[in-house]
Amino acid sequence: MVFETILAPLSFIKLVKAATGFDFKTLMEKDGETKKAFRSFVSFTGSALLGSNGLTLALAWMAFRNSNALAWWSLWYWPVMFAWHLFIYKRETAPWYFQIFWMVLSVTALLFTKNVAFG
């Protein structure tokens, strides 16, 4: 998803529509400046996602390689974010259900590795 938002930002419309029910396609077709702004905003979002995913890899490496409790606690960002998505995504859509899956998976992984923080 990260690379898609950076390299092909207009394809992000499908995901937004599935998650929110709002179709940006109509808005983007309004004029060239709106389309350019949407493309730029989505590319920016993709770069932020790339940064957060990279930071997650670094935190996971530190947490599990060096038993760094602070890094382990920082990884709780993900289940909290997935829980927040349950409130902002359109209910009972595929992206909404994926948030439940990722939230359960991330909490489970953190609970199985709690010895990093409490060991």
N, C-alpha and C. Protein backbone atom coordinates (compact mmCIF):
# COMPACT_ATOMS: atom_id res chain seq x y z
N MET A 1 0.82 -1.19 0.00
CA MET A 1 0.00 0.00 0.00
C MET A 1 0.87 1.26 0.00
N VAL A 2 1.97 1.20 0.74
CA VAL A 2 2.85 2.37 0.82
C VAL A 2 3.37 2.74 -0.55
N PHE A 3 3.92 1.77 -1.26
CA PHE A 3 4.49 2.06 -2.56
C PHE A 3 3.40 2.47 -3.57
N GLU A 4 2.22 1.91 -3.42
CA GLU A 4 1.13 2.29 -4.31
C GLU A 4 0.76 3.75 -4.12
N THR A 5 0.70 4.21 -2.86
CA THR A 5 0.33 5.60 -2.63
C THR A 5 1.41 6.56 -3.12
N ILE A 6 2.66 6.12 -3.11
CA ILE A 6 3.75 6.98 -3.59
C ILE A 6 3.82 6.97 -5.11
N LEU A 7 3.78 5.79 -5.71
CA LEU A 7 4.00 5.66 -7.15
C LEU A 7 2.74 5.86 -8.00
N ALA A 8 1.59 5.47 -7.46
CA ALA A 8 0.34 5.60 -8.21
C ALA A 8 -0.76 6.15 -7.29
N PRO A 9 -0.62 7.42 -6.88
CA PRO A 9 -1.52 7.95 -5.86
C PRO A 9 -3.00 7.93 -6.24
N LEU A 10 -3.31 8.01 -7.51
CA LEU A 10 -4.72 8.02 -7.90
C LEU A 10 -5.39 6.67 -7.68
N SER A 11 -4.61 5.61 -7.59
CA SER A 11 -5.21 4.30 -7.31
C SER A 11 -5.71 4.21 -5.87
N PHE A 12 -5.27 5.14 -5.04
CA PHE A 12 -5.67 5.18 -3.63
C PHE A 12 -7.17 5.46 -3.49
N ILE A 13 -7.79 5.99 -4.54
CA ILE A 13 -9.21 6.32 -4.52
C ILE A 13 -10.05 5.11 -4.15
N LYS A 14 -9.70 3.94 -4.68
CA LYS A 14 -10.48 2.73 -4.41
C LYS A 14 -10.47 2.38 -2.92
N LEU A 15 -9.30 2.49 -2.30
CA LEU A 15 -9.19 2.18 -0.87
C LEU A 15 -9.98 3.18 -0.03
N VAL A 16 -9.88 4.45 -0.37
CA VAL A 16 -10.62 5.47 0.38
C VAL A 16 -12.11 5.24 0.25
N LYS A 17 -12.55 4.92 -0.96
CA LYS A 17 -13.99 4.68 -1.16
C LYS A 17 -14.45 3.46 -0.36
N ALA A 18 -13.65 2.40 -0.36
CA ALA A 18 -14.01 1.20 0.39
C ALA A 18 -14.04 1.47 1.89
N ALA A 19 -13.09 2.27 2.38
CA ALA A 19 -12.98 2.52 3.82
C ALA A 19 -13.98 3.55 4.33
N THR A 20 -14.30 4.55 3.50
CA THR A 20 -15.12 5.65 3.98
C THR A 20 -16.47 5.77 3.28
N GLY A 21 -16.57 5.20 2.09
CA GLY A 21 -17.79 5.35 1.32
C GLY A 21 -17.78 6.61 0.45
N PHE A 22 -16.78 7.48 0.64
CA PHE A 22 -16.68 8.71 -0.14
C PHE A 22 -15.88 8.47 -1.40
N ASP A 23 -16.41 8.92 -2.53
CA ASP A 23 -15.74 8.72 -3.81
C ASP A 23 -15.04 10.02 -4.23
N PHE A 24 -13.71 10.03 -4.11
CA PHE A 24 -12.93 11.21 -4.48
C PHE A 24 -12.84 11.39 -5.99
N LYS A 25 -13.22 10.38 -6.75
CA LYS A 25 -13.10 10.47 -8.20
C LYS A 25 -13.90 11.65 -8.75
N THR A 26 -15.12 11.82 -8.26
CA THR A 26 -15.96 12.92 -8.71
C THR A 26 -15.31 14.26 -8.36
N LEU A 27 -14.78 14.36 -7.16
CA LEU A 27 -14.12 15.59 -6.73
C LEU A 27 -12.88 15.88 -7.57
N MET A 28 -12.10 14.84 -7.84
CA MET A 28 -10.87 15.02 -8.60
C MET A 28 -11.14 15.44 -10.04
N GLU A 29 -12.23 14.98 -10.58
CA GLU A 29 -12.55 15.32 -11.98
C GLU A 29 -13.08 16.74 -12.11
N LYS A 30 -13.23 17.42 -11.01
CA LYS A 30 -13.72 18.80 -11.00
C LYS A 30 -12.81 19.71 -11.81
N ASP A 31 -11.50 19.63 -11.53
CA ASP A 31 -10.53 20.42 -12.28
C ASP A 31 -9.13 19.86 -12.08
N GLY A 32 -8.21 20.31 -12.90
CA GLY A 32 -6.84 19.81 -12.86
C GLY A 32 -6.12 20.14 -11.56
N GLU A 33 -6.43 21.30 -10.98
CA GLU A 33 -5.76 21.72 -9.75
C GLU A 33 -6.17 20.82 -8.57
N THR A 34 -7.42 20.44 -8.51
CA THR A 34 -7.90 19.55 -7.45
C THR A 34 -7.25 18.17 -7.59
N LYS A 35 -7.16 17.69 -8.82
CA LYS A 35 -6.53 16.39 -9.08
C LYS A 35 -5.05 16.43 -8.67
N LYS A 36 -4.38 17.52 -9.00
CA LYS A 36 -2.97 17.68 -8.64
C LYS A 36 -2.81 17.71 -7.12
N ALA A 37 -3.71 18.43 -6.43
CA ALA A 37 -3.64 18.51 -4.98
C ALA A 37 -3.88 17.15 -4.35
N PHE A 38 -4.85 16.39 -4.86
CA PHE A 38 -5.13 15.05 -4.33
C PHE A 38 -3.92 14.14 -4.53
N ARG A 39 -3.34 14.17 -5.71
CA ARG A 39 -2.17 13.34 -6.02
C ARG A 39 -1.02 13.69 -5.06
N SER A 40 -0.80 14.97 -4.84
CA SER A 40 0.27 15.42 -3.96
C SER A 40 0.00 15.00 -2.50
N PHE A 41 -1.24 15.16 -2.06
CA PHE A 41 -1.60 14.77 -0.68
C PHE A 41 -1.42 13.27 -0.46
N VAL A 42 -1.85 12.47 -1.40
CA VAL A 42 -1.73 11.01 -1.26
C VAL A 42 -0.26 10.59 -1.30
N SER A 43 0.53 11.22 -2.16
CA SER A 43 1.96 10.90 -2.18
C SER A 43 2.61 11.25 -0.86
N PHE A 44 2.23 12.38 -0.27
CA PHE A 44 2.73 12.76 1.04
C PHE A 44 2.33 11.72 2.09
N THR A 45 1.09 11.28 2.04
CA THR A 45 0.62 10.26 2.96
C THR A 45 1.43 8.98 2.81
N GLY A 46 1.72 8.60 1.57
CA GLY A 46 2.54 7.41 1.32
C GLY A 46 3.92 7.53 1.92
N SER A 47 4.51 8.71 1.82
CA SER A 47 5.85 8.89 2.40
C SER A 47 5.79 8.82 3.92
N ALA A 48 4.70 9.32 4.51
CA ALA A 48 4.54 9.22 5.97
C ALA A 48 4.35 7.76 6.37
N LEU A 49 3.61 7.01 5.58
CA LEU A 49 3.44 5.58 5.85
C LEU A 49 4.76 4.84 5.74
N LEU A 50 5.54 5.19 4.75
CA LEU A 50 6.85 4.57 4.59
C LEU A 50 7.72 4.84 5.81
N GLY A 51 7.68 6.07 6.30
CA GLY A 51 8.43 6.42 7.50
C GLY A 51 7.95 5.67 8.73
N SER A 52 6.64 5.56 8.90
CA SER A 52 6.13 4.84 10.08
C SER A 52 6.43 3.35 9.99
N ASN A 53 6.37 2.79 8.80
CA ASN A 53 6.71 1.37 8.65
C ASN A 53 8.20 1.14 8.90
N GLY A 54 9.03 2.06 8.40
CA GLY A 54 10.47 1.96 8.65
C GLY A 54 10.79 2.09 10.13
N LEU A 55 10.12 3.02 10.79
CA LEU A 55 10.32 3.20 12.23
C LEU A 55 9.88 1.95 12.99
N THR A 56 8.80 1.34 12.55
CA THR A 56 8.33 0.11 13.19
C THR A 56 9.37 -0.99 13.07
N LEU A 57 9.96 -1.13 11.89
CA LEU A 57 11.01 -2.14 11.73
C LEU A 57 12.18 -1.87 12.66
N ALA A 58 12.58 -0.61 12.77
CA ALA A 58 13.69 -0.26 13.67
C ALA A 58 13.33 -0.55 15.13
N LEU A 59 12.12 -0.20 15.53
CA LEU A 59 11.69 -0.46 16.91
C LEU A 59 11.62 -1.96 17.19
N ALA A 60 11.09 -2.71 16.24
CA ALA A 60 11.00 -4.16 16.44
C ALA A 60 12.40 -4.76 16.54
N TRP A 61 13.31 -4.28 15.70
CA TRP A 61 14.69 -4.78 15.76
C TRP A 61 15.29 -4.49 17.14
N MET A 62 15.12 -3.26 17.61
CA MET A 62 15.68 -2.89 18.92
C MET A 62 15.01 -3.68 20.05
N ALA A 63 13.70 -3.82 19.97
CA ALA A 63 12.97 -4.50 21.04
C ALA A 63 13.39 -5.95 21.17
N PHE A 64 13.52 -6.64 20.06
CA PHE A 64 13.76 -8.07 20.13
C PHE A 64 15.23 -8.46 20.04
N ARG A 65 16.05 -7.61 19.52
CA ARG A 65 17.48 -7.91 19.49
C ARG A 65 18.15 -7.54 20.81
N ASN A 66 17.74 -6.43 21.38
CA ASN A 66 18.39 -5.92 22.59
C ASN A 66 17.50 -5.96 23.82
N SER A 67 16.33 -6.58 23.72
CA SER A 67 15.35 -6.59 24.82
C SER A 67 15.11 -5.19 25.36
N ASN A 68 14.79 -4.28 24.46
CA ASN A 68 14.55 -2.89 24.81
C ASN A 68 13.07 -2.69 25.10
N ALA A 69 12.74 -2.50 26.37
CA ALA A 69 11.34 -2.36 26.80
C ALA A 69 10.67 -1.14 26.18
N LEU A 70 11.39 -0.04 26.07
CA LEU A 70 10.79 1.17 25.49
C LEU A 70 10.39 0.93 24.04
N ALA A 71 11.21 0.24 23.30
CA ALA A 71 10.87 -0.08 21.91
C ALA A 71 9.63 -0.97 21.87
N TRP A 72 9.56 -1.95 22.76
CA TRP A 72 8.39 -2.84 22.81
C TRP A 72 7.13 -2.05 23.11
N TRP A 73 7.18 -1.16 24.09
CA TRP A 73 6.01 -0.34 24.44
C TRP A 73 5.62 0.57 23.28
N SER A 74 6.59 1.06 22.53
CA SER A 74 6.30 1.93 21.39
C SER A 74 5.52 1.20 20.31
N LEU A 75 5.71 -0.10 20.20
CA LEU A 75 4.99 -0.88 19.19
C LEU A 75 3.49 -0.98 19.47
N TRP A 76 3.04 -0.58 20.66
CA TRP A 76 1.61 -0.54 20.96
C TRP A 76 0.89 0.54 20.15
N TYR A 77 1.66 1.37 19.49
CA TYR A 77 1.07 2.35 18.57
C TYR A 77 0.15 1.64 17.57
N TRP A 78 0.58 0.51 17.04
CA TRP A 78 -0.15 -0.16 15.97
C TRP A 78 -1.54 -0.65 16.39
N PRO A 79 -1.69 -1.41 17.46
CA PRO A 79 -3.05 -1.82 17.79
C PRO A 79 -3.95 -0.63 18.16
N VAL A 80 -3.38 0.40 18.75
CA VAL A 80 -4.17 1.60 19.05
C VAL A 80 -4.63 2.26 17.75
N MET A 81 -3.74 2.35 16.77
CA MET A 81 -4.11 2.93 15.48
C MET A 81 -5.20 2.10 14.80
N PHE A 82 -5.05 0.78 14.82
CA PHE A 82 -6.07 -0.07 14.20
C PHE A 82 -7.41 0.08 14.90
N ALA A 83 -7.41 0.22 16.21
CA ALA A 83 -8.65 0.44 16.95
C ALA A 83 -9.28 1.77 16.55
N TRP A 84 -8.46 2.80 16.40
CA TRP A 84 -8.98 4.10 15.97
C TRP A 84 -9.62 4.00 14.59
N HIS A 85 -9.04 3.20 13.70
CA HIS A 85 -9.61 3.03 12.36
C HIS A 85 -11.00 2.43 12.41
N LEU A 86 -11.28 1.64 13.43
CA LEU A 86 -12.63 1.07 13.56
C LEU A 86 -13.68 2.17 13.72
N PHE A 87 -13.28 3.29 14.28
CA PHE A 87 -14.20 4.41 14.46
C PHE A 87 -14.31 5.28 13.22
N ILE A 88 -13.24 5.39 12.45
CA ILE A 88 -13.27 6.32 11.32
C ILE A 88 -13.57 5.65 9.98
N TYR A 89 -13.43 4.33 9.90
CA TYR A 89 -13.75 3.64 8.65
C TYR A 89 -15.23 3.29 8.63
N LYS A 90 -15.74 3.16 7.44
CA LYS A 90 -17.14 2.75 7.27
C LYS A 90 -17.30 1.33 7.79
N ARG A 91 -18.27 1.14 8.68
CA ARG A 91 -18.49 -0.15 9.32
C ARG A 91 -18.85 -1.24 8.31
N GLU A 92 -18.38 -2.43 8.63
CA GLU A 92 -18.71 -3.65 7.89
C GLU A 92 -18.25 -3.61 6.43
N THR A 93 -17.14 -2.94 6.18
CA THR A 93 -16.51 -2.98 4.86
C THR A 93 -15.24 -3.81 5.00
N ALA A 94 -14.67 -4.21 3.88
CA ALA A 94 -13.44 -5.01 3.93
C ALA A 94 -12.32 -4.29 4.70
N PRO A 95 -12.06 -3.00 4.44
CA PRO A 95 -11.00 -2.34 5.22
C PRO A 95 -11.30 -2.30 6.71
N TRP A 96 -12.54 -2.18 7.09
CA TRP A 96 -12.93 -2.15 8.50
C TRP A 96 -12.62 -3.50 9.15
N TYR A 97 -12.96 -4.60 8.47
CA TYR A 97 -12.66 -5.93 9.01
C TYR A 97 -11.15 -6.18 9.07
N PHE A 98 -10.41 -5.66 8.11
CA PHE A 98 -8.95 -5.82 8.15
C PHE A 98 -8.35 -5.16 9.39
N GLN A 99 -8.96 -4.07 9.83
CA GLN A 99 -8.45 -3.40 11.04
C GLN A 99 -8.59 -4.31 12.25
N ILE A 100 -9.69 -5.04 12.31
CA ILE A 100 -9.88 -5.99 13.42
C ILE A 100 -8.81 -7.07 13.35
N PHE A 101 -8.59 -7.61 12.16
CA PHE A 101 -7.58 -8.64 11.98
C PHE A 101 -6.21 -8.15 12.42
N TRP A 102 -5.78 -6.96 11.94
CA TRP A 102 -4.46 -6.44 12.27
C TRP A 102 -4.35 -6.06 13.74
N MET A 103 -5.44 -5.58 14.32
CA MET A 103 -5.42 -5.24 15.74
C MET A 103 -5.23 -6.51 16.58
N VAL A 104 -5.98 -7.54 16.28
CA VAL A 104 -5.85 -8.80 17.02
C VAL A 104 -4.45 -9.39 16.83
N LEU A 105 -3.96 -9.38 15.60
CA LEU A 105 -2.64 -9.92 15.32
C LEU A 105 -1.54 -9.15 16.06
N SER A 106 -1.61 -7.83 16.04
CA SER A 106 -0.56 -7.03 16.70
C SER A 106 -0.62 -7.16 18.21
N VAL A 107 -1.82 -7.19 18.79
CA VAL A 107 -1.93 -7.38 20.25
C VAL A 107 -1.42 -8.76 20.63
N THR A 108 -1.77 -9.76 19.86
CA THR A 108 -1.31 -11.12 20.14
C THR A 108 0.22 -11.20 20.09
N ALA A 109 0.81 -10.62 19.06
CA ALA A 109 2.28 -10.63 18.95
C ALA A 109 2.92 -9.92 20.13
N LEU A 110 2.35 -8.81 20.54
CA LEU A 110 2.92 -8.08 21.68
C LEU A 110 2.75 -8.86 22.99
N LEU A 111 1.62 -9.51 23.15
CA LEU A 111 1.41 -10.29 24.38
C LEU A 111 2.34 -11.51 24.43
N PHE A 112 2.57 -12.12 23.28
CA PHE A 112 3.49 -13.27 23.24
C PHE A 112 4.94 -12.87 23.52
N THR A 113 5.24 -11.61 23.31
CA THR A 113 6.61 -11.15 23.51
C THR A 113 6.74 -10.21 24.71
N LYS A 114 5.79 -10.29 25.63
CA LYS A 114 5.78 -9.38 26.78
C LYS A 114 7.02 -9.52 27.66
N ASN A 115 7.76 -10.61 27.54
CA ASN A 115 8.99 -10.76 28.33
C ASN A 115 10.02 -9.69 27.97
N VAL A 116 9.90 -9.09 26.79
CA VAL A 116 10.81 -8.00 26.42
C VAL A 116 10.62 -6.82 27.39
N ALA A 117 9.38 -6.54 27.74
CA ALA A 117 9.09 -5.41 28.62
C ALA A 117 9.09 -5.79 30.09
N PHE A 118 8.72 -7.02 30.38
CA PHE A 118 8.57 -7.42 31.78
C PHE A 118 9.55 -8.51 32.20
N GLY A 119 10.47 -8.87 31.30
CA GLY A 119 11.38 -9.98 31.56
C GLY A 119 12.50 -9.61 32.42
